[in-house]
Structures are given as C-alpha cells and as structure tokens.
C-alpha cells in the first residue's frame, strides 16, 4: 500500500458520534424558553445610597469628591439611582433635593 492510499483511508469519514451537529438528547427542561432573570434592586438599598450621597453633600462646604467623581455622580449616579425607584413622586423628590445641594455646592466652588 502506498503512502497516498493509506492517507485516503485514514481521512475517510468516521461513523462515530457527531460532535458538532445537533444534540440528540432531548431538552431536559421541555420547550419552555428560559428567560434570564432581570436584576431588581431592593428599594431600601437604593434609598440608603441616595441618603448617603445627600448626607455627604449636606455636610460639606464644597464638593466632597474630586471633580471626576462629581461629574460621574451628577451625570450618571443620581439619575440611575432615581430611575431605580418605582415611586415616580419619590424619585422626583430625590432629584430635586440632589439638584438643590448640587447648586449650593456649585455656588460654593464658584465663590
């Protein structure tokens, strides 16, 4: 047998299990589509974080954070936390309180 003939025989398709084809085993969970669980934060934790941020701001005569953190909180954190609250009136109340403190601290920095 020549080298070429033995190579052809070795590369012939095998009759073993198909490793890359569709699974032959039935789905263990049936035909019910599995939806990923959505993260739902605890409103108590959200309020606690808002209270902590506001308390830090109220206790300070100037911004209690460096400028990059101030921008992060003003641009992202405050809005994100307020949007997590399910009670829209409560969320608006927090927005107003945070905006008032931001204005006060902004004026203190300008002076």
C-alpha atoms as a PDB file:
ATOM      1  CA  UNK A   1       0.000   0.000   0.000  1.00  0.00           C
ATOM      2  CA  UNK A   2       1.412   3.380  -0.970  1.00  0.00           C
ATOM      3  CA  UNK A   3       1.521   6.452   1.267  1.00  0.00           C
ATOM      4  CA  UNK A   4      -1.200   8.093  -0.792  1.00  0.00           C
ATOM      5  CA  UNK A   5      -3.587   5.145  -0.368  1.00  0.00           C
ATOM      6  CA  UNK A   6      -3.059   4.941   3.397  1.00  0.00           C
ATOM      7  CA  UNK A   7      -3.733   8.704   3.718  1.00  0.00           C
ATOM      8  CA  UNK A   8      -7.023   8.364   1.829  1.00  0.00           C
ATOM      9  CA  UNK A   9      -8.092   5.530   4.066  1.00  0.00           C
ATOM     10  CA  UNK A  10      -7.211   7.458   7.263  1.00  0.00           C
ATOM     11  CA  UNK A  11      -9.155  10.540   6.202  1.00  0.00           C
ATOM     12  CA  UNK A  12     -12.355   8.681   5.428  1.00  0.00           C
ATOM     13  CA  UNK A  13     -15.355   9.929   7.436  1.00  0.00           C
ATOM     14  CA  UNK A  14     -15.866   8.098  10.690  1.00  0.00           C
ATOM     15  CA  UNK A  15     -19.151   6.659  11.853  1.00  0.00           C
ATOM     16  CA  UNK A  16     -18.600   7.854  15.453  1.00  0.00           C
ATOM     17  CA  UNK A  17     -20.723  10.448  17.276  1.00  0.00           C
ATOM     18  CA  UNK A  18     -21.273  13.785  15.585  1.00  0.00           C
ATOM     19  CA  UNK A  19     -19.548  16.250  17.913  1.00  0.00           C
ATOM     20  CA  UNK A  20     -20.608  19.370  16.044  1.00  0.00           C
ATOM     21  CA  UNK A  21     -24.110  18.501  14.894  1.00  0.00           C
ATOM     22  CA  UNK A  22     -27.449  18.952  16.637  1.00  0.00           C
ATOM     23  CA  UNK A  23     -27.797  17.371  20.049  1.00  0.00           C
ATOM     24  CA  UNK A  24     -29.531  14.043  20.051  1.00  0.00           C
ATOM     25  CA  UNK A  25     -30.509  14.268  23.713  1.00  0.00           C
ATOM     26  CA  UNK A  26     -33.935  15.723  24.448  1.00  0.00           C
ATOM     27  CA  UNK A  27     -34.116  19.087  26.192  1.00  0.00           C
ATOM     28  CA  UNK A  28     -34.286  18.440  29.935  1.00  0.00           C
ATOM     29  CA  UNK A  29     -36.464  21.491  30.551  1.00  0.00           C
ATOM     30  CA  UNK A  30     -39.021  20.973  27.807  1.00  0.00           C
ATOM     31  CA  UNK A  31     -39.950  23.572  25.234  1.00  0.00           C
ATOM     32  CA  UNK A  32     -40.250  26.409  27.739  1.00  0.00           C
ATOM     33  CA  UNK A  33     -37.890  29.233  26.751  1.00  0.00           C
ATOM     34  CA  UNK A  34     -35.573  30.200  29.564  1.00  0.00           C
ATOM     35  CA  UNK A  35     -35.535  33.942  30.164  1.00  0.00           C
ATOM     36  CA  UNK A  36     -32.607  35.398  32.065  1.00  0.00           C
ATOM     37  CA  UNK A  37     -33.588  36.827  35.404  1.00  0.00           C
ATOM     38  CA  UNK A  38     -33.693  40.588  35.452  1.00  0.00           C
ATOM     39  CA  UNK A  39     -31.925  42.321  38.307  1.00  0.00           C
ATOM     40  CA  UNK A  40     -34.409  44.127  40.534  1.00  0.00           C
ATOM     41  CA  UNK A  41     -32.676  46.199  43.198  1.00  0.00           C
ATOM     42  CA  UNK A  42     -34.043  46.463  46.692  1.00  0.00           C
ATOM     43  CA  UNK A  43     -35.594  49.944  47.030  1.00  0.00           C
ATOM     44  CA  UNK A  44     -34.264  50.154  50.590  1.00  0.00           C
ATOM     45  CA  UNK A  45     -30.704  49.849  49.281  1.00  0.00           C
ATOM     46  CA  UNK A  46     -31.359  52.494  46.632  1.00  0.00           C
ATOM     47  CA  UNK A  47     -32.764  54.908  49.236  1.00  0.00           C
ATOM     48  CA  UNK A  48     -29.831  54.196  51.568  1.00  0.00           C
ATOM     49  CA  UNK A  49     -27.362  55.047  48.808  1.00  0.00           C
ATOM     50  CA  UNK A  50     -29.229  58.244  47.931  1.00  0.00           C
ATOM     51  CA  UNK A  51     -29.336  59.208  51.616  1.00  0.00           C
ATOM     52  CA  UNK A  52     -25.594  58.581  51.975  1.00  0.00           C
ATOM     53  CA  UNK A  53     -24.764  60.717  48.944  1.00  0.00           C
ATOM     54  CA  UNK A  54     -27.071  63.527  50.035  1.00  0.00           C
ATOM     55  CA  UNK A  55     -25.706  63.453  53.622  1.00  0.00           C
ATOM     56  CA  UNK A  56     -22.146  63.749  52.313  1.00  0.00           C
ATOM     57  CA  UNK A  57     -23.168  66.709  50.185  1.00  0.00           C
ATOM     58  CA  UNK A  58     -25.078  68.421  53.022  1.00  0.00           C
ATOM     59  CA  UNK A  59     -22.187  68.003  55.462  1.00  0.00           C
ATOM     60  CA  UNK A  60     -19.696  69.610  53.083  1.00  0.00           C
ATOM     61  CA  UNK A  61     -18.956  73.274  52.396  1.00  0.00           C
ATOM     62  CA  UNK A  62     -17.514  72.331  48.992  1.00  0.00           C
ATOM     63  CA  UNK A  63     -17.857  69.223  46.835  1.00  0.00           C
ATOM     64  CA  UNK A  64     -16.762  66.236  48.973  1.00  0.00           C
ATOM     65  CA  UNK A  65     -15.340  64.421  45.925  1.00  0.00           C
ATOM     66  CA  UNK A  66     -12.730  65.132  43.286  1.00  0.00           C
ATOM     67  CA  UNK A  67     -14.031  66.710  40.038  1.00  0.00           C
ATOM     68  CA  UNK A  68     -14.196  63.452  38.069  1.00  0.00           C
ATOM     69  CA  UNK A  69     -16.345  61.799  40.760  1.00  0.00           C
ATOM     70  CA  UNK A  70     -18.564  64.899  40.939  1.00  0.00           C
ATOM     71  CA  UNK A  71     -19.158  64.639  37.172  1.00  0.00           C
ATOM     72  CA  UNK A  72     -19.852  60.911  37.465  1.00  0.00           C
ATOM     73  CA  UNK A  73     -22.395  61.403  40.249  1.00  0.00           C
ATOM     74  CA  UNK A  74     -24.084  64.385  38.602  1.00  0.00           C
ATOM     75  CA  UNK A  75     -24.171  62.850  35.113  1.00  0.00           C
ATOM     76  CA  UNK A  76     -24.847  59.196  35.904  1.00  0.00           C
ATOM     77  CA  UNK A  77     -25.226  58.052  39.510  1.00  0.00           C
ATOM     78  CA  UNK A  78     -28.024  60.358  40.680  1.00  0.00           C
ATOM     79  CA  UNK A  79     -30.168  59.698  37.604  1.00  0.00           C
ATOM     80  CA  UNK A  80     -29.514  55.952  37.700  1.00  0.00           C
ATOM     81  CA  UNK A  81     -30.497  55.627  41.344  1.00  0.00           C
ATOM     82  CA  UNK A  82     -33.602  57.801  40.951  1.00  0.00           C
ATOM     83  CA  UNK A  83     -34.713  55.742  37.944  1.00  0.00           C
ATOM     84  CA  UNK A  84     -34.498  52.566  40.036  1.00  0.00           C
ATOM     85  CA  UNK A  85     -37.197  53.841  42.387  1.00  0.00           C
ATOM     86  CA  UNK A  86     -40.661  52.606  41.413  1.00  0.00           C
ATOM     87  CA  UNK A  87     -42.493  55.536  43.000  1.00  0.00           C
ATOM     88  CA  UNK A  88     -42.103  58.378  40.493  1.00  0.00           C
ATOM     89  CA  UNK A  89     -43.027  61.061  43.020  1.00  0.00           C
ATOM     90  CA  UNK A  90     -40.343  59.820  45.391  1.00  0.00           C
ATOM     91  CA  UNK A  91     -37.828  59.764  42.547  1.00  0.00           C
ATOM     92  CA  UNK A  92     -38.701  63.352  41.615  1.00  0.00           C
ATOM     93  CA  UNK A  93     -38.329  64.407  45.248  1.00  0.00           C
ATOM     94  CA  UNK A  94     -34.824  62.909  45.341  1.00  0.00           C
ATOM     95  CA  UNK A  95     -33.926  64.626  42.061  1.00  0.00           C
ATOM     96  CA  UNK A  96     -34.998  67.987  43.483  1.00  0.00           C
ATOM     97  CA  UNK A  97     -33.088  67.502  46.738  1.00  0.00           C
ATOM     98  CA  UNK A  98     -29.933  66.415  44.916  1.00  0.00           C
ATOM     99  CA  UNK A  99     -30.230  69.294  42.448  1.00  0.00           C
ATOM    100  CA  UNK A 100     -30.598  71.810  45.296  1.00  0.00           C
ATOM    101  CA  UNK A 101     -27.470  70.505  47.034  1.00  0.00           C
ATOM    102  CA  UNK A 102     -25.582  70.407  43.738  1.00  0.00           C
ATOM    103  CA  UNK A 103     -26.492  74.034  43.127  1.00  0.00           C
ATOM    104  CA  UNK A 104     -25.391  75.007  46.631  1.00  0.00           C
ATOM    105  CA  UNK A 105     -22.059  73.231  46.273  1.00  0.00           C
ATOM    106  CA  UNK A 106     -21.588  74.637  42.773  1.00  0.00           C
ATOM    107  CA  UNK A 107     -22.059  78.162  44.131  1.00  0.00           C
ATOM    108  CA  UNK A 108     -19.604  77.448  46.951  1.00  0.00           C
ATOM    109  CA  UNK A 109     -16.981  76.322  44.429  1.00  0.00           C
ATOM    110  CA  UNK A 110     -17.576  79.431  42.301  1.00  0.00           C
ATOM    111  CA  UNK A 111     -17.051  81.750  45.292  1.00  0.00           C
END
